[in-house]
Amino acid sequence: EALHTYFQIGDVAEVELHGLDGCAYLDKTEGFARKRQEGAVRFAAETDRVYVDTQSACIIHDAQLQRRIRIEKQGSASTVVWTPWADKAAAMGDFTAQGWRNMLCVESANAADNTLTLQPGETHTLQVRYSAEAL
C-alpha cells in the first residue's frame, strides 16, 4: 500500500530530501540493489527507491520555491522516492518537455520488506500529514 503523492517543486536537481539518512533502501534503477542512504537525498538522474523501516518525518528542502514541505506519517514503515528524469519522462507521455523537473514523488508506504497482509476482518490505517513553511 502507498499514498502516491507528487509534490510540485522548483527544480528536482536543486531540492534535498531530509529524514532518510542511514536508512536502507532498494534501488529499483539498479535491479533492487540494497543500499544505505548517506546524508540528504539529492537528485541527478532517474531515482526510484524504496526506503525500508522508515518511521521519521521527511522534509523536502526547496530553495527555489523558498519552502520546506514536511511529511509526517503513521502506520507506514516504508518511503518510496521517485523522479523519472528526462528520458523516462519523455517516454511516459504525461509530462511536458521539462515538467519532470518540477515534481518529486515521496510516498508513505508499506512496501518491499514492510509489505502488510491483512486477514479477513483485520484493518490497517495509514495516515500522513503534509505541511509547508517558508525558508
N, C-alpha and C. Protein backbone atom coordinates (compact mmCIF):
# COMPACT_ATOMS: atom_id res chain seq x y z
N GLU A 1 0.84 -1.17 0.00
CA GLU A 1 0.00 0.00 0.00
C GLU A 1 0.88 1.23 0.00
N ALA A 2 0.40 2.28 -0.64
CA ALA A 2 1.16 3.54 -0.68
C ALA A 2 0.22 4.68 -1.01
N LEU A 3 0.51 5.83 -0.44
CA LEU A 3 -0.17 7.06 -0.81
C LEU A 3 0.74 7.74 -1.82
N HIS A 4 0.34 7.70 -3.06
CA HIS A 4 1.16 8.10 -4.20
C HIS A 4 1.08 9.61 -4.36
N THR A 5 2.02 10.33 -3.76
CA THR A 5 1.95 11.79 -3.68
C THR A 5 3.02 12.44 -4.53
N TYR A 6 2.59 13.30 -5.45
CA TYR A 6 3.52 14.09 -6.27
C TYR A 6 3.55 15.51 -5.69
N PHE A 7 4.73 16.02 -5.43
CA PHE A 7 4.89 17.37 -4.93
C PHE A 7 5.41 18.27 -6.04
N GLN A 8 4.80 19.44 -6.18
CA GLN A 8 5.33 20.43 -7.12
C GLN A 8 6.51 21.12 -6.44
N ILE A 9 7.64 21.15 -7.15
CA ILE A 9 8.86 21.74 -6.61
C ILE A 9 9.46 22.67 -7.65
N GLY A 10 10.46 23.46 -7.22
CA GLY A 10 11.10 24.40 -8.13
C GLY A 10 11.93 23.71 -9.19
N ASP A 11 12.85 22.84 -8.78
CA ASP A 11 13.71 22.10 -9.71
C ASP A 11 14.26 20.89 -8.96
N VAL A 12 13.95 19.69 -9.44
CA VAL A 12 14.36 18.47 -8.75
C VAL A 12 15.87 18.37 -8.57
N ALA A 13 16.63 18.98 -9.47
CA ALA A 13 18.09 18.93 -9.36
C ALA A 13 18.61 19.82 -8.24
N GLU A 14 17.74 20.65 -7.67
CA GLU A 14 18.17 21.57 -6.62
C GLU A 14 17.56 21.29 -5.26
N VAL A 15 16.59 20.39 -5.17
CA VAL A 15 15.98 20.10 -3.87
C VAL A 15 16.79 19.04 -3.13
N GLU A 16 16.57 18.98 -1.84
CA GLU A 16 17.12 17.93 -1.00
C GLU A 16 15.98 17.33 -0.19
N LEU A 17 16.04 16.02 0.01
CA LEU A 17 15.06 15.33 0.84
C LEU A 17 15.78 14.86 2.10
N HIS A 18 15.32 15.36 3.24
CA HIS A 18 15.93 15.02 4.53
C HIS A 18 15.04 14.05 5.29
N GLY A 19 15.65 13.29 6.21
CA GLY A 19 14.91 12.38 7.07
C GLY A 19 15.17 10.91 6.80
N LEU A 20 15.98 10.61 5.79
CA LEU A 20 16.25 9.21 5.43
C LEU A 20 17.72 8.82 5.62
N ASP A 21 18.52 9.70 6.21
CA ASP A 21 19.94 9.41 6.44
C ASP A 21 20.09 8.13 7.26
N GLY A 22 20.92 7.23 6.78
CA GLY A 22 21.18 5.97 7.47
C GLY A 22 20.19 4.86 7.16
N CYS A 23 19.14 5.16 6.43
CA CYS A 23 18.12 4.15 6.11
C CYS A 23 18.55 3.25 4.95
N ALA A 24 18.19 1.99 5.04
CA ALA A 24 18.42 1.05 3.93
C ALA A 24 17.36 1.30 2.87
N TYR A 25 17.75 1.10 1.61
CA TYR A 25 16.79 1.22 0.52
C TYR A 25 17.08 0.23 -0.59
N LEU A 26 16.05 -0.07 -1.36
CA LEU A 26 16.15 -0.90 -2.56
C LEU A 26 16.15 0.05 -3.74
N ASP A 27 17.19 -0.03 -4.57
CA ASP A 27 17.33 0.85 -5.73
C ASP A 27 16.75 0.15 -6.94
N LYS A 28 15.56 0.56 -7.35
CA LYS A 28 14.89 -0.09 -8.47
C LYS A 28 15.56 0.20 -9.81
N THR A 29 16.38 1.24 -9.89
CA THR A 29 17.10 1.52 -11.14
C THR A 29 18.33 0.64 -11.28
N GLU A 30 18.68 -0.09 -10.22
CA GLU A 30 19.83 -1.00 -10.26
C GLU A 30 19.43 -2.40 -9.81
N GLY A 31 18.31 -2.89 -10.34
CA GLY A 31 17.89 -4.26 -10.07
C GLY A 31 17.56 -4.54 -8.62
N PHE A 32 17.02 -3.57 -7.90
CA PHE A 32 16.66 -3.70 -6.49
C PHE A 32 17.87 -3.92 -5.59
N ALA A 33 19.02 -3.38 -5.98
CA ALA A 33 20.22 -3.46 -5.13
C ALA A 33 19.93 -2.79 -3.79
N ARG A 34 20.33 -3.45 -2.71
CA ARG A 34 20.14 -2.89 -1.36
C ARG A 34 21.31 -1.98 -1.04
N LYS A 35 20.98 -0.75 -0.65
CA LYS A 35 22.00 0.26 -0.33
C LYS A 35 21.61 0.98 0.95
N ARG A 36 22.47 1.87 1.41
CA ARG A 36 22.19 2.67 2.60
C ARG A 36 22.35 4.15 2.25
N GLN A 37 21.38 4.95 2.65
CA GLN A 37 21.42 6.39 2.38
C GLN A 37 22.45 7.07 3.27
N GLU A 38 23.25 7.93 2.66
CA GLU A 38 24.21 8.73 3.41
C GLU A 38 23.87 10.20 3.19
N GLY A 39 23.44 10.86 4.24
CA GLY A 39 23.07 12.27 4.14
C GLY A 39 21.71 12.47 3.50
N ALA A 40 21.49 13.70 3.05
CA ALA A 40 20.23 14.03 2.38
C ALA A 40 20.18 13.36 1.02
N VAL A 41 18.96 13.07 0.54
CA VAL A 41 18.79 12.53 -0.81
C VAL A 41 18.85 13.71 -1.77
N ARG A 42 19.73 13.60 -2.77
CA ARG A 42 19.85 14.61 -3.82
C ARG A 42 19.61 13.91 -5.16
N PHE A 43 19.23 14.68 -6.16
CA PHE A 43 18.78 14.09 -7.42
C PHE A 43 19.60 14.60 -8.60
N ALA A 44 20.20 13.65 -9.35
CA ALA A 44 20.99 13.99 -10.54
C ALA A 44 20.70 13.03 -11.69
N ALA A 45 19.74 12.13 -11.49
CA ALA A 45 19.37 11.13 -12.51
C ALA A 45 18.05 10.51 -12.06
N GLU A 46 17.51 9.63 -12.91
CA GLU A 46 16.30 8.91 -12.52
C GLU A 46 16.52 8.27 -11.16
N THR A 47 15.53 8.41 -10.30
CA THR A 47 15.60 7.86 -8.95
C THR A 47 14.31 7.10 -8.69
N ASP A 48 14.44 5.85 -8.26
CA ASP A 48 13.28 5.03 -7.92
C ASP A 48 13.72 4.10 -6.79
N ARG A 49 13.39 4.50 -5.57
CA ARG A 49 13.88 3.79 -4.38
C ARG A 49 12.75 3.49 -3.40
N VAL A 50 12.90 2.35 -2.73
CA VAL A 50 12.01 2.00 -1.63
C VAL A 50 12.86 1.98 -0.37
N TYR A 51 12.69 2.97 0.48
CA TYR A 51 13.38 3.02 1.77
C TYR A 51 12.57 2.18 2.74
N VAL A 52 13.23 1.25 3.43
CA VAL A 52 12.53 0.33 4.33
C VAL A 52 12.80 0.69 5.79
N ASP A 53 11.86 0.29 6.63
CA ASP A 53 11.96 0.53 8.08
C ASP A 53 12.14 2.01 8.39
N THR A 54 11.34 2.84 7.75
CA THR A 54 11.41 4.29 7.96
C THR A 54 10.23 4.73 8.83
N GLN A 55 10.52 5.47 9.84
CA GLN A 55 9.48 5.97 10.74
C GLN A 55 9.48 7.50 10.83
N SER A 56 10.62 8.11 10.62
CA SER A 56 10.74 9.55 10.85
C SER A 56 10.10 10.37 9.73
N ALA A 57 9.86 11.63 10.04
CA ALA A 57 9.32 12.56 9.05
C ALA A 57 10.36 12.81 7.96
N CYS A 58 9.88 13.09 6.77
CA CYS A 58 10.75 13.52 5.66
C CYS A 58 10.47 14.99 5.41
N ILE A 59 11.50 15.71 5.00
CA ILE A 59 11.36 17.13 4.71
C ILE A 59 12.00 17.42 3.37
N ILE A 60 11.20 18.00 2.46
CA ILE A 60 11.71 18.44 1.17
C ILE A 60 12.17 19.88 1.33
N HIS A 61 13.46 20.13 1.13
CA HIS A 61 14.00 21.49 1.16
C HIS A 61 14.04 21.99 -0.28
N ASP A 62 13.24 23.00 -0.55
CA ASP A 62 13.11 23.53 -1.91
C ASP A 62 13.51 25.01 -1.90
N ALA A 63 14.81 25.26 -2.14
CA ALA A 63 15.34 26.63 -2.10
C ALA A 63 14.72 27.51 -3.18
N GLN A 64 14.46 26.93 -4.35
CA GLN A 64 13.93 27.73 -5.44
C GLN A 64 12.54 28.30 -5.13
N LEU A 65 11.69 27.50 -4.51
CA LEU A 65 10.36 27.98 -4.12
C LEU A 65 10.33 28.49 -2.68
N GLN A 66 11.50 28.56 -2.05
CA GLN A 66 11.66 29.13 -0.70
C GLN A 66 10.73 28.49 0.33
N ARG A 67 10.73 27.13 0.36
CA ARG A 67 9.88 26.46 1.33
C ARG A 67 10.43 25.09 1.70
N ARG A 68 9.89 24.60 2.81
CA ARG A 68 10.11 23.22 3.26
C ARG A 68 8.75 22.56 3.29
N ILE A 69 8.69 21.33 2.79
CA ILE A 69 7.47 20.53 2.88
C ILE A 69 7.76 19.39 3.84
N ARG A 70 6.97 19.28 4.90
CA ARG A 70 7.16 18.25 5.91
C ARG A 70 6.13 17.15 5.70
N ILE A 71 6.60 15.90 5.75
CA ILE A 71 5.76 14.72 5.54
C ILE A 71 5.86 13.87 6.80
N GLU A 72 4.79 13.85 7.59
CA GLU A 72 4.76 13.06 8.82
C GLU A 72 3.76 11.94 8.65
N LYS A 73 4.15 10.72 9.04
CA LYS A 73 3.30 9.57 8.76
C LYS A 73 3.11 8.69 9.98
N GLN A 74 2.02 7.92 9.96
CA GLN A 74 1.73 6.90 10.96
C GLN A 74 1.20 5.68 10.23
N GLY A 75 1.58 4.50 10.69
CA GLY A 75 1.11 3.27 10.05
C GLY A 75 1.83 2.97 8.75
N SER A 76 2.97 3.59 8.56
CA SER A 76 3.77 3.42 7.35
C SER A 76 5.20 3.11 7.75
N ALA A 77 5.77 2.05 7.21
CA ALA A 77 7.14 1.66 7.55
C ALA A 77 8.09 1.78 6.36
N SER A 78 7.60 2.27 5.22
CA SER A 78 8.44 2.44 4.03
C SER A 78 8.20 3.83 3.45
N THR A 79 9.19 4.31 2.72
CA THR A 79 9.07 5.57 1.99
C THR A 79 9.57 5.34 0.58
N VAL A 80 8.73 5.62 -0.41
CA VAL A 80 9.12 5.48 -1.81
C VAL A 80 9.48 6.86 -2.33
N VAL A 81 10.63 6.96 -3.00
CA VAL A 81 11.09 8.23 -3.58
C VAL A 81 11.32 8.00 -5.06
N TRP A 82 10.68 8.84 -5.89
CA TRP A 82 10.76 8.64 -7.34
C TRP A 82 10.81 9.95 -8.09
N THR A 83 11.67 10.02 -9.07
CA THR A 83 11.65 11.07 -10.09
C THR A 83 12.12 10.43 -11.39
N PRO A 84 11.42 10.65 -12.50
CA PRO A 84 11.74 9.91 -13.73
C PRO A 84 12.95 10.43 -14.51
N TRP A 85 13.30 11.68 -14.34
CA TRP A 85 14.33 12.36 -15.12
C TRP A 85 13.89 12.46 -16.57
N ALA A 86 14.71 13.03 -17.41
CA ALA A 86 14.30 13.46 -18.76
C ALA A 86 13.88 12.31 -19.67
N ASP A 87 14.71 11.29 -19.82
CA ASP A 87 14.43 10.23 -20.79
C ASP A 87 13.16 9.46 -20.45
N LYS A 88 13.04 9.04 -19.21
CA LYS A 88 11.86 8.26 -18.82
C LYS A 88 10.60 9.13 -18.90
N ALA A 89 10.71 10.39 -18.49
CA ALA A 89 9.55 11.29 -18.56
C ALA A 89 9.09 11.47 -20.00
N ALA A 90 10.02 11.60 -20.93
CA ALA A 90 9.67 11.77 -22.35
C ALA A 90 8.93 10.54 -22.86
N ALA A 91 9.32 9.37 -22.41
CA ALA A 91 8.69 8.13 -22.86
C ALA A 91 7.31 7.92 -22.22
N MET A 92 7.05 8.57 -21.10
CA MET A 92 5.79 8.38 -20.39
C MET A 92 4.63 9.12 -21.04
N GLY A 93 4.87 10.27 -21.58
CA GLY A 93 3.82 10.99 -22.27
C GLY A 93 2.93 11.87 -21.41
N ASP A 94 3.04 11.81 -20.08
CA ASP A 94 2.18 12.67 -19.27
C ASP A 94 2.93 13.80 -18.59
N PHE A 95 4.13 14.09 -19.09
CA PHE A 95 4.91 15.24 -18.63
C PHE A 95 5.11 16.19 -19.80
N THR A 96 5.14 17.49 -19.52
CA THR A 96 5.57 18.43 -20.55
C THR A 96 7.07 18.25 -20.73
N ALA A 97 7.65 18.91 -21.71
CA ALA A 97 9.07 18.71 -22.03
C ALA A 97 9.99 18.83 -20.81
N GLN A 98 9.77 19.80 -19.97
CA GLN A 98 10.60 19.98 -18.77
C GLN A 98 9.80 19.76 -17.48
N GLY A 99 8.59 19.26 -17.60
CA GLY A 99 7.72 19.11 -16.44
C GLY A 99 8.26 18.20 -15.36
N TRP A 100 9.06 17.23 -15.74
CA TRP A 100 9.66 16.31 -14.76
C TRP A 100 10.54 17.05 -13.76
N ARG A 101 11.07 18.20 -14.17
CA ARG A 101 11.94 18.97 -13.27
C ARG A 101 11.17 19.54 -12.08
N ASN A 102 9.86 19.68 -12.25
CA ASN A 102 9.06 20.36 -11.24
C ASN A 102 8.22 19.42 -10.39
N MET A 103 8.61 18.15 -10.32
CA MET A 103 7.87 17.21 -9.47
C MET A 103 8.81 16.26 -8.75
N LEU A 104 8.38 15.85 -7.58
CA LEU A 104 9.07 14.83 -6.82
C LEU A 104 8.00 13.99 -6.13
N CYS A 105 8.11 12.69 -6.27
CA CYS A 105 7.17 11.77 -5.64
C CYS A 105 7.80 11.24 -4.35
N VAL A 106 7.14 11.47 -3.22
CA VAL A 106 7.55 10.92 -1.93
C VAL A 106 6.32 10.24 -1.36
N GLU A 107 6.34 8.92 -1.35
CA GLU A 107 5.17 8.14 -0.94
C GLU A 107 5.35 7.55 0.45
N SER A 108 4.36 7.69 1.28
CA SER A 108 4.30 6.96 2.54
C SER A 108 3.69 5.61 2.20
N ALA A 109 4.38 4.53 2.59
CA ALA A 109 4.00 3.21 2.09
C ALA A 109 4.28 2.12 3.11
N ASN A 110 3.86 0.93 2.75
CA ASN A 110 4.25 -0.32 3.39
C ASN A 110 4.57 -1.25 2.23
N ALA A 111 5.83 -1.25 1.83
CA ALA A 111 6.25 -1.95 0.61
C ALA A 111 7.52 -2.74 0.87
N ALA A 112 7.84 -3.61 -0.08
CA ALA A 112 9.08 -4.42 -0.02
C ALA A 112 9.14 -5.17 1.31
N ASP A 113 10.17 -4.94 2.12
CA ASP A 113 10.33 -5.63 3.40
C ASP A 113 9.17 -5.36 4.35
N ASN A 114 8.44 -4.31 4.12
CA ASN A 114 7.39 -3.87 5.04
C ASN A 114 5.98 -4.11 4.52
N THR A 115 5.83 -4.99 3.53
CA THR A 115 4.51 -5.29 2.98
C THR A 115 3.60 -5.85 4.07
N LEU A 116 2.36 -5.43 4.06
CA LEU A 116 1.37 -5.91 5.03
C LEU A 116 0.44 -6.92 4.37
N THR A 117 0.02 -7.90 5.15
CA THR A 117 -1.01 -8.83 4.71
C THR A 117 -2.11 -8.81 5.76
N LEU A 118 -3.30 -8.46 5.34
CA LEU A 118 -4.44 -8.42 6.25
C LEU A 118 -5.29 -9.66 6.07
N GLN A 119 -5.67 -10.25 7.16
CA GLN A 119 -6.59 -11.38 7.15
C GLN A 119 -8.02 -10.84 7.17
N PRO A 120 -8.99 -11.65 6.77
CA PRO A 120 -10.39 -11.19 6.80
C PRO A 120 -10.74 -10.63 8.18
N GLY A 121 -11.34 -9.46 8.18
CA GLY A 121 -11.75 -8.82 9.42
C GLY A 121 -10.70 -7.89 10.02
N GLU A 122 -9.45 -7.97 9.57
CA GLU A 122 -8.40 -7.09 10.08
C GLU A 122 -8.44 -5.75 9.36
N THR A 123 -7.93 -4.73 10.03
CA THR A 123 -7.85 -3.41 9.42
C THR A 123 -6.46 -2.82 9.63
N HIS A 124 -6.14 -1.86 8.82
CA HIS A 124 -4.88 -1.11 8.96
C HIS A 124 -5.14 0.32 8.53
N THR A 125 -4.57 1.26 9.25
CA THR A 125 -4.71 2.67 8.91
C THR A 125 -3.34 3.27 8.64
N LEU A 126 -3.22 3.93 7.52
CA LEU A 126 -2.01 4.68 7.16
C LEU A 126 -2.43 6.14 7.08
N GLN A 127 -1.78 6.99 7.86
CA GLN A 127 -2.11 8.41 7.88
C GLN A 127 -0.88 9.23 7.55
N VAL A 128 -1.09 10.33 6.85
CA VAL A 128 0.00 11.24 6.52
C VAL A 128 -0.46 12.67 6.73
N ARG A 129 0.42 13.47 7.29
CA ARG A 129 0.16 14.90 7.47
C ARG A 129 1.21 15.66 6.69
N TYR A 130 0.77 16.53 5.79
CA TYR A 130 1.67 17.36 4.99
C TYR A 130 1.57 18.79 5.49
N SER A 131 2.71 19.45 5.61
CA SER A 131 2.71 20.87 5.97
C SER A 131 3.84 21.56 5.23
N ALA A 132 3.68 22.86 5.03
CA ALA A 132 4.70 23.64 4.33
C ALA A 132 5.01 24.88 5.15
N GLU A 133 6.28 25.28 5.10
CA GLU A 133 6.69 26.50 5.78
C GLU A 133 7.74 27.21 4.94
N ALA A 134 7.82 28.51 5.10
CA ALA A 134 8.79 29.31 4.35
C ALA A 134 10.20 29.04 4.87
N LEU A 135 11.17 29.13 3.98
CA LEU A 135 12.58 29.00 4.38
C LEU A 135 13.04 30.30 5.02
